[in-house]
Amino acid sequence: MRASQRDADTLTAFEPLRYGARHLLATAETQLALLRENTVQSRWVYQLGVLRGALDRLDELHEQWLATRDALPATAKPGTADFDDALAGHHAESWSYLDDWATHGTALREINSAALKAPSPLAPTPVPASVRRIAARR
């Protein structure tokens, strides 16, 4: 019973993120491609792959749940054994992919932090004031 509740709670917590997750992944992949090689953690590419695979599988499982729910008898409503058992099965199947997001999702934040700290390829490297004064005197 605890595992079933954990599975349901985890899916509920992930739901608001699921709709923007592809955008987050695309942003992280773009940022990663622009980072200098010496600032990139080698695990980030792997972690983004795990997150993308987990999201693909969660989308598939969601579609399967919708089909399963629609195939249930008309009497199967939340609170009935038919509905609740099918939903618990969906939650159980989804849990390991949600755990992947909980485990590897920090890579999105780490990549973003590295990108924010990286020098912009559009802006020139700032010259210290002392060098500017010396150059101006000449």
N, C-alpha and C. Protein backbone atom coordinates (compact mmCIF):
# COMPACT_ATOMS: atom_id res chain seq x y z
N MET A 1 0.82 -1.19 0.00
CA MET A 1 0.00 0.00 0.00
C MET A 1 0.87 1.26 0.00
N ARG A 2 1.99 1.24 0.78
CA ARG A 2 2.88 2.40 0.82
C ARG A 2 3.51 2.67 -0.53
N ALA A 3 3.94 1.60 -1.20
CA ALA A 3 4.56 1.77 -2.52
C ALA A 3 3.56 2.36 -3.49
N SER A 4 2.33 1.92 -3.42
CA SER A 4 1.29 2.45 -4.31
C SER A 4 1.07 3.94 -4.06
N GLN A 5 1.06 4.33 -2.80
CA GLN A 5 0.88 5.75 -2.47
C GLN A 5 2.10 6.56 -2.91
N ARG A 6 3.30 6.00 -2.71
CA ARG A 6 4.53 6.66 -3.16
C ARG A 6 4.50 6.88 -4.67
N ASP A 7 4.09 5.84 -5.40
CA ASP A 7 4.02 5.93 -6.86
C ASP A 7 3.05 7.03 -7.29
N ALA A 8 1.89 7.07 -6.66
CA ALA A 8 0.88 8.08 -7.00
C ALA A 8 1.39 9.48 -6.65
N ASP A 9 1.98 9.63 -5.49
CA ASP A 9 2.49 10.94 -5.07
C ASP A 9 3.61 11.43 -5.99
N THR A 10 4.47 10.52 -6.39
CA THR A 10 5.59 10.88 -7.27
C THR A 10 5.07 11.35 -8.62
N LEU A 11 4.11 10.63 -9.17
CA LEU A 11 3.53 11.02 -10.46
C LEU A 11 2.82 12.36 -10.35
N THR A 12 2.09 12.57 -9.28
CA THR A 12 1.40 13.84 -9.07
C THR A 12 2.40 14.99 -8.98
N ALA A 13 3.50 14.77 -8.29
CA ALA A 13 4.52 15.82 -8.15
C ALA A 13 5.20 16.13 -9.49
N PHE A 14 5.35 15.13 -10.34
CA PHE A 14 6.03 15.33 -11.62
C PHE A 14 5.12 15.96 -12.67
N GLU A 15 3.84 15.79 -12.55
CA GLU A 15 2.88 16.21 -13.57
C GLU A 15 3.07 17.66 -14.02
N PRO A 16 3.22 18.64 -13.15
CA PRO A 16 3.41 20.01 -13.64
C PRO A 16 4.70 20.18 -14.46
N LEU A 17 5.71 19.40 -14.16
CA LEU A 17 6.98 19.47 -14.87
C LEU A 17 6.91 18.76 -16.22
N ARG A 18 6.09 17.74 -16.32
CA ARG A 18 6.04 16.91 -17.53
C ARG A 18 5.77 17.72 -18.78
N TYR A 19 4.92 18.71 -18.69
CA TYR A 19 4.53 19.47 -19.87
C TYR A 19 5.64 20.38 -20.37
N GLY A 20 6.55 20.79 -19.51
CA GLY A 20 7.67 21.63 -19.92
C GLY A 20 8.99 20.89 -19.99
N ALA A 21 8.95 19.59 -19.73
CA ALA A 21 10.19 18.81 -19.63
C ALA A 21 10.95 18.77 -20.96
N ARG A 22 10.28 18.66 -22.06
CA ARG A 22 10.98 18.63 -23.36
C ARG A 22 11.68 19.95 -23.63
N HIS A 23 11.05 21.04 -23.24
CA HIS A 23 11.67 22.35 -23.39
C HIS A 23 12.92 22.46 -22.49
N LEU A 24 12.81 21.97 -21.27
CA LEU A 24 13.96 21.98 -20.37
C LEU A 24 15.12 21.17 -20.95
N LEU A 25 14.81 20.00 -21.50
CA LEU A 25 15.85 19.16 -22.09
C LEU A 25 16.49 19.85 -23.30
N ALA A 26 15.67 20.43 -24.16
CA ALA A 26 16.19 21.10 -25.35
C ALA A 26 17.08 22.29 -24.95
N THR A 27 16.65 23.02 -23.95
CA THR A 27 17.45 24.16 -23.46
C THR A 27 18.78 23.68 -22.92
N ALA A 28 18.76 22.63 -22.10
CA ALA A 28 19.99 22.10 -21.53
C ALA A 28 20.92 21.58 -22.62
N GLU A 29 20.38 20.92 -23.63
CA GLU A 29 21.21 20.41 -24.72
C GLU A 29 21.86 21.55 -25.50
N THR A 30 21.10 22.62 -25.72
CA THR A 30 21.65 23.79 -26.41
C THR A 30 22.73 24.44 -25.57
N GLN A 31 22.47 24.62 -24.29
CA GLN A 31 23.47 25.21 -23.39
C GLN A 31 24.72 24.35 -23.34
N LEU A 32 24.55 23.06 -23.27
CA LEU A 32 25.68 22.14 -23.19
C LEU A 32 26.57 22.25 -24.43
N ALA A 33 25.95 22.40 -25.58
CA ALA A 33 26.70 22.50 -26.83
C ALA A 33 27.53 23.79 -26.88
N LEU A 34 27.10 24.82 -26.16
CA LEU A 34 27.80 26.11 -26.19
C LEU A 34 28.85 26.26 -25.11
N LEU A 35 28.86 25.35 -24.16
CA LEU A 35 29.83 25.45 -23.06
C LEU A 35 31.22 25.04 -23.51
N ARG A 36 32.21 25.66 -22.91
CA ARG A 36 33.60 25.25 -23.18
C ARG A 36 33.79 23.84 -22.63
N GLU A 37 34.58 23.09 -23.34
CA GLU A 37 34.78 21.68 -23.00
C GLU A 37 35.30 21.49 -21.57
N ASN A 38 36.13 22.39 -21.10
CA ASN A 38 36.71 22.24 -19.76
C ASN A 38 35.71 22.56 -18.65
N THR A 39 34.51 23.04 -18.99
CA THR A 39 33.49 23.33 -17.97
C THR A 39 32.38 22.28 -17.95
N VAL A 40 32.44 21.32 -18.86
CA VAL A 40 31.38 20.32 -18.99
C VAL A 40 31.70 19.08 -18.16
N GLN A 41 30.73 18.65 -17.39
CA GLN A 41 30.84 17.39 -16.66
C GLN A 41 30.53 16.25 -17.64
N SER A 42 31.35 15.23 -17.69
CA SER A 42 31.15 14.15 -18.65
C SER A 42 29.82 13.41 -18.42
N ARG A 43 29.32 13.42 -17.21
CA ARG A 43 28.08 12.70 -16.90
C ARG A 43 26.83 13.41 -17.45
N TRP A 44 26.94 14.70 -17.78
CA TRP A 44 25.77 15.46 -18.20
C TRP A 44 25.14 14.89 -19.47
N VAL A 45 25.94 14.51 -20.43
CA VAL A 45 25.39 13.95 -21.68
C VAL A 45 24.62 12.67 -21.37
N TYR A 46 25.21 11.82 -20.55
CA TYR A 46 24.55 10.58 -20.14
C TYR A 46 23.23 10.89 -19.42
N GLN A 47 23.28 11.84 -18.46
CA GLN A 47 22.09 12.16 -17.68
C GLN A 47 20.98 12.73 -18.56
N LEU A 48 21.32 13.57 -19.52
CA LEU A 48 20.28 14.09 -20.42
C LEU A 48 19.66 12.96 -21.24
N GLY A 49 20.47 12.00 -21.62
CA GLY A 49 19.95 10.84 -22.35
C GLY A 49 19.00 10.02 -21.49
N VAL A 50 19.35 9.83 -20.24
CA VAL A 50 18.47 9.11 -19.31
C VAL A 50 17.16 9.86 -19.15
N LEU A 51 17.24 11.18 -18.98
CA LEU A 51 16.03 11.99 -18.80
C LEU A 51 15.14 11.94 -20.04
N ARG A 52 15.75 12.04 -21.21
CA ARG A 52 14.97 11.99 -22.45
C ARG A 52 14.30 10.62 -22.62
N GLY A 53 15.04 9.55 -22.37
CA GLY A 53 14.47 8.21 -22.46
C GLY A 53 13.34 8.00 -21.46
N ALA A 54 13.52 8.48 -20.24
CA ALA A 54 12.48 8.35 -19.22
C ALA A 54 11.25 9.15 -19.61
N LEU A 55 11.45 10.34 -20.16
CA LEU A 55 10.30 11.15 -20.58
C LEU A 55 9.55 10.49 -21.73
N ASP A 56 10.29 9.93 -22.68
CA ASP A 56 9.64 9.20 -23.79
C ASP A 56 8.79 8.07 -23.24
N ARG A 57 9.35 7.32 -22.31
CA ARG A 57 8.62 6.18 -21.74
C ARG A 57 7.41 6.67 -20.92
N LEU A 58 7.56 7.75 -20.18
CA LEU A 58 6.43 8.29 -19.42
C LEU A 58 5.30 8.74 -20.36
N ASP A 59 5.66 9.32 -21.49
CA ASP A 59 4.64 9.71 -22.47
C ASP A 59 3.92 8.48 -23.02
N GLU A 60 4.67 7.43 -23.31
CA GLU A 60 4.05 6.18 -23.79
C GLU A 60 3.12 5.60 -22.74
N LEU A 61 3.58 5.57 -21.50
CA LEU A 61 2.76 5.03 -20.41
C LEU A 61 1.50 5.87 -20.18
N HIS A 62 1.62 7.17 -20.36
CA HIS A 62 0.45 8.03 -20.22
C HIS A 62 -0.59 7.71 -21.29
N GLU A 63 -0.12 7.53 -22.51
CA GLU A 63 -1.04 7.16 -23.60
C GLU A 63 -1.68 5.79 -23.33
N GLN A 64 -0.89 4.86 -22.81
CA GLN A 64 -1.44 3.54 -22.46
C GLN A 64 -2.48 3.67 -21.36
N TRP A 65 -2.23 4.53 -20.37
CA TRP A 65 -3.19 4.73 -19.30
C TRP A 65 -4.50 5.30 -19.84
N LEU A 66 -4.40 6.27 -20.74
CA LEU A 66 -5.62 6.84 -21.32
C LEU A 66 -6.42 5.78 -22.06
N ALA A 67 -5.74 4.92 -22.80
CA ALA A 67 -6.42 3.85 -23.52
C ALA A 67 -7.03 2.85 -22.54
N THR A 68 -6.29 2.51 -21.50
CA THR A 68 -6.80 1.58 -20.48
C THR A 68 -8.02 2.17 -19.78
N ARG A 69 -7.91 3.42 -19.38
CA ARG A 69 -9.01 4.10 -18.69
C ARG A 69 -10.25 4.14 -19.57
N ASP A 70 -10.06 4.45 -20.86
CA ASP A 70 -11.20 4.52 -21.77
C ASP A 70 -11.83 3.16 -22.03
N ALA A 71 -11.04 2.09 -21.85
CA ALA A 71 -11.56 0.73 -22.07
C ALA A 71 -12.23 0.14 -20.84
N LEU A 72 -12.11 0.81 -19.72
CA LEU A 72 -12.75 0.31 -18.49
C LEU A 72 -14.27 0.37 -18.63
N PRO A 73 -14.97 -0.51 -17.91
CA PRO A 73 -16.43 -0.44 -17.95
C PRO A 73 -16.93 0.92 -17.44
N ALA A 74 -18.08 1.30 -17.86
CA ALA A 74 -18.66 2.60 -17.46
C ALA A 74 -18.80 2.72 -15.95
N THR A 75 -18.91 1.59 -15.28
CA THR A 75 -19.06 1.61 -13.82
C THR A 75 -17.74 1.83 -13.09
N ALA A 76 -16.63 1.76 -13.82
CA ALA A 76 -15.30 1.92 -13.21
C ALA A 76 -15.01 3.41 -13.06
N LYS A 77 -15.16 3.89 -11.89
CA LYS A 77 -14.90 5.29 -11.54
C LYS A 77 -13.84 5.31 -10.44
N PRO A 78 -13.21 6.47 -10.20
CA PRO A 78 -12.27 6.52 -9.08
C PRO A 78 -12.95 6.06 -7.79
N GLY A 79 -12.27 5.20 -7.08
CA GLY A 79 -12.83 4.63 -5.85
C GLY A 79 -13.34 3.22 -6.04
N THR A 80 -13.49 2.78 -7.29
CA THR A 80 -13.89 1.39 -7.55
C THR A 80 -12.63 0.56 -7.78
N ALA A 81 -12.72 -0.72 -7.51
CA ALA A 81 -11.56 -1.60 -7.62
C ALA A 81 -11.00 -1.63 -9.05
N ASP A 82 -11.89 -1.70 -10.05
CA ASP A 82 -11.41 -1.75 -11.44
C ASP A 82 -10.56 -0.53 -11.78
N PHE A 83 -11.06 0.63 -11.46
CA PHE A 83 -10.36 1.88 -11.78
C PHE A 83 -9.08 2.00 -10.94
N ASP A 84 -9.22 1.83 -9.65
CA ASP A 84 -8.08 2.03 -8.75
C ASP A 84 -6.96 1.03 -9.02
N ASP A 85 -7.29 -0.21 -9.34
CA ASP A 85 -6.27 -1.21 -9.65
C ASP A 85 -5.53 -0.85 -10.95
N ALA A 86 -6.28 -0.41 -11.95
CA ALA A 86 -5.65 -0.02 -13.22
C ALA A 86 -4.76 1.20 -13.02
N LEU A 87 -5.23 2.16 -12.25
CA LEU A 87 -4.43 3.36 -11.98
C LEU A 87 -3.18 3.02 -11.17
N ALA A 88 -3.31 2.15 -10.19
CA ALA A 88 -2.15 1.74 -9.39
C ALA A 88 -1.12 1.04 -10.28
N GLY A 89 -1.58 0.25 -11.23
CA GLY A 89 -0.66 -0.40 -12.17
C GLY A 89 0.08 0.63 -13.01
N HIS A 90 -0.64 1.64 -13.46
CA HIS A 90 -0.01 2.72 -14.23
C HIS A 90 1.03 3.45 -13.39
N HIS A 91 0.69 3.76 -12.16
CA HIS A 91 1.63 4.44 -11.27
C HIS A 91 2.87 3.58 -11.04
N ALA A 92 2.68 2.30 -10.83
CA ALA A 92 3.81 1.40 -10.57
C ALA A 92 4.74 1.33 -11.78
N GLU A 93 4.17 1.26 -12.98
CA GLU A 93 4.99 1.22 -14.20
C GLU A 93 5.75 2.52 -14.40
N SER A 94 5.18 3.62 -14.00
CA SER A 94 5.79 4.94 -14.20
C SER A 94 6.88 5.25 -13.20
N TRP A 95 6.84 4.61 -12.04
CA TRP A 95 7.69 5.03 -10.94
C TRP A 95 9.17 5.04 -11.26
N SER A 96 9.70 4.01 -11.90
CA SER A 96 11.15 3.97 -12.13
C SER A 96 11.60 5.10 -13.06
N TYR A 97 10.75 5.50 -13.99
CA TYR A 97 11.09 6.61 -14.90
C TYR A 97 11.02 7.94 -14.16
N LEU A 98 10.10 8.03 -13.23
CA LEU A 98 10.02 9.23 -12.39
C LEU A 98 11.24 9.30 -11.47
N ASP A 99 11.68 8.14 -11.00
CA ASP A 99 12.88 8.08 -10.17
C ASP A 99 14.10 8.53 -10.98
N ASP A 100 14.14 8.19 -12.27
CA ASP A 100 15.23 8.69 -13.12
C ASP A 100 15.26 10.21 -13.13
N TRP A 101 14.08 10.82 -13.19
CA TRP A 101 14.02 12.29 -13.17
C TRP A 101 14.45 12.83 -11.82
N ALA A 102 14.07 12.17 -10.76
CA ALA A 102 14.48 12.62 -9.43
C ALA A 102 15.99 12.48 -9.26
N THR A 103 16.56 11.44 -9.82
CA THR A 103 17.99 11.16 -9.68
C THR A 103 18.84 12.04 -10.59
N HIS A 104 18.44 12.18 -11.85
CA HIS A 104 19.29 12.85 -12.84
C HIS A 104 18.82 14.26 -13.20
N GLY A 105 17.67 14.66 -12.70
CA GLY A 105 17.12 15.98 -13.03
C GLY A 105 18.00 17.13 -12.59
N THR A 106 18.83 16.91 -11.58
CA THR A 106 19.72 17.98 -11.12
C THR A 106 20.70 18.41 -12.21
N ALA A 107 20.94 17.54 -13.19
CA ALA A 107 21.84 17.90 -14.29
C ALA A 107 21.31 19.12 -15.04
N LEU A 108 20.00 19.26 -15.14
CA LEU A 108 19.42 20.42 -15.82
C LEU A 108 19.82 21.71 -15.12
N ARG A 109 19.75 21.71 -13.81
CA ARG A 109 20.12 22.88 -13.03
C ARG A 109 21.63 23.12 -13.09
N GLU A 110 22.41 22.05 -13.05
CA GLU A 110 23.86 22.19 -13.11
C GLU A 110 24.31 22.77 -14.46
N ILE A 111 23.72 22.29 -15.54
CA ILE A 111 24.06 22.80 -16.87
C ILE A 111 23.67 24.26 -16.98
N ASN A 112 22.49 24.60 -16.49
CA ASN A 112 22.05 25.99 -16.54
C ASN A 112 22.99 26.88 -15.73
N SER A 113 23.40 26.45 -14.57
CA SER A 113 24.33 27.23 -13.75
C SER A 113 25.65 27.44 -14.47
N ALA A 114 26.15 26.38 -15.10
CA ALA A 114 27.41 26.51 -15.85
C ALA A 114 27.25 27.46 -17.02
N ALA A 115 26.11 27.42 -17.68
CA ALA A 115 25.86 28.30 -18.82
C ALA A 115 25.76 29.76 -18.36
N LEU A 116 25.17 29.99 -17.21
CA LEU A 116 25.05 31.35 -16.70
C LEU A 116 26.40 31.93 -16.30
N LYS A 117 27.31 31.08 -15.85
CA LYS A 117 28.64 31.52 -15.43
C LYS A 117 29.61 31.64 -16.61
N ALA A 118 29.28 31.01 -17.73
CA ALA A 118 30.18 31.01 -18.88
C ALA A 118 30.22 32.39 -19.53
N PRO A 119 31.37 32.76 -20.05
CA PRO A 119 31.44 34.04 -20.76
C PRO A 119 30.60 33.97 -22.03
N SER A 120 29.97 35.06 -22.35
CA SER A 120 29.12 35.10 -23.53
C SER A 120 29.98 35.13 -24.79
N PRO A 121 29.63 34.34 -25.80
CA PRO A 121 30.40 34.40 -27.04
C PRO A 121 30.13 35.71 -27.79
N LEU A 122 29.11 36.44 -27.38
CA LEU A 122 28.76 37.68 -28.05
C LEU A 122 29.46 38.90 -27.46
N ALA A 123 29.81 38.82 -26.20
CA ALA A 123 30.42 39.95 -25.53
C ALA A 123 31.93 39.78 -25.46
N PRO A 124 32.67 40.89 -25.67
CA PRO A 124 34.14 40.77 -25.56
C PRO A 124 34.53 40.53 -24.11
N THR A 125 35.68 39.94 -23.92
CA THR A 125 36.19 39.72 -22.58
C THR A 125 36.53 41.07 -21.98
N PRO A 126 36.04 41.38 -20.78
CA PRO A 126 36.31 42.68 -20.18
C PRO A 126 37.80 42.89 -19.95
N VAL A 127 38.25 44.09 -20.23
CA VAL A 127 39.65 44.45 -20.02
C VAL A 127 39.73 45.19 -18.69
N PRO A 128 40.65 44.79 -17.82
CA PRO A 128 40.77 45.48 -16.53
C PRO A 128 41.00 46.98 -16.74
N ALA A 129 40.52 47.79 -15.81
CA ALA A 129 40.62 49.25 -15.90
C ALA A 129 42.07 49.71 -16.01
N SER A 130 42.98 49.06 -15.31
CA SER A 130 44.39 49.48 -15.35
C SER A 130 44.97 49.33 -16.76
N VAL A 131 44.60 48.29 -17.48
CA VAL A 131 45.07 48.07 -18.85
C VAL A 131 44.46 49.12 -19.77
N ARG A 132 43.19 49.48 -19.55
CA ARG A 132 42.54 50.50 -20.38
C ARG A 132 43.23 51.85 -20.20
N ARG A 133 43.62 52.21 -18.97
CA ARG A 133 44.29 53.48 -18.71
C ARG A 133 45.65 53.53 -19.40
N ILE A 134 46.38 52.42 -19.34
CA ILE A 134 47.70 52.36 -19.98
C ILE A 134 47.54 52.52 -21.48
N ALA A 135 46.58 51.82 -22.06
CA ALA A 135 46.35 51.89 -23.50
C ALA A 135 45.91 53.29 -23.92
N ALA A 136 45.13 53.96 -23.09
CA ALA A 136 44.63 55.31 -23.40
C ALA A 136 45.75 56.34 -23.37
N ARG A 137 46.77 56.14 -22.55
CA ARG A 137 47.88 57.08 -22.45
C ARG A 137 48.76 57.04 -23.70
N ARG A 138 48.76 55.96 -24.37
CA ARG A 138 49.65 55.81 -25.55
C ARG A 138 49.02 56.45 -26.70
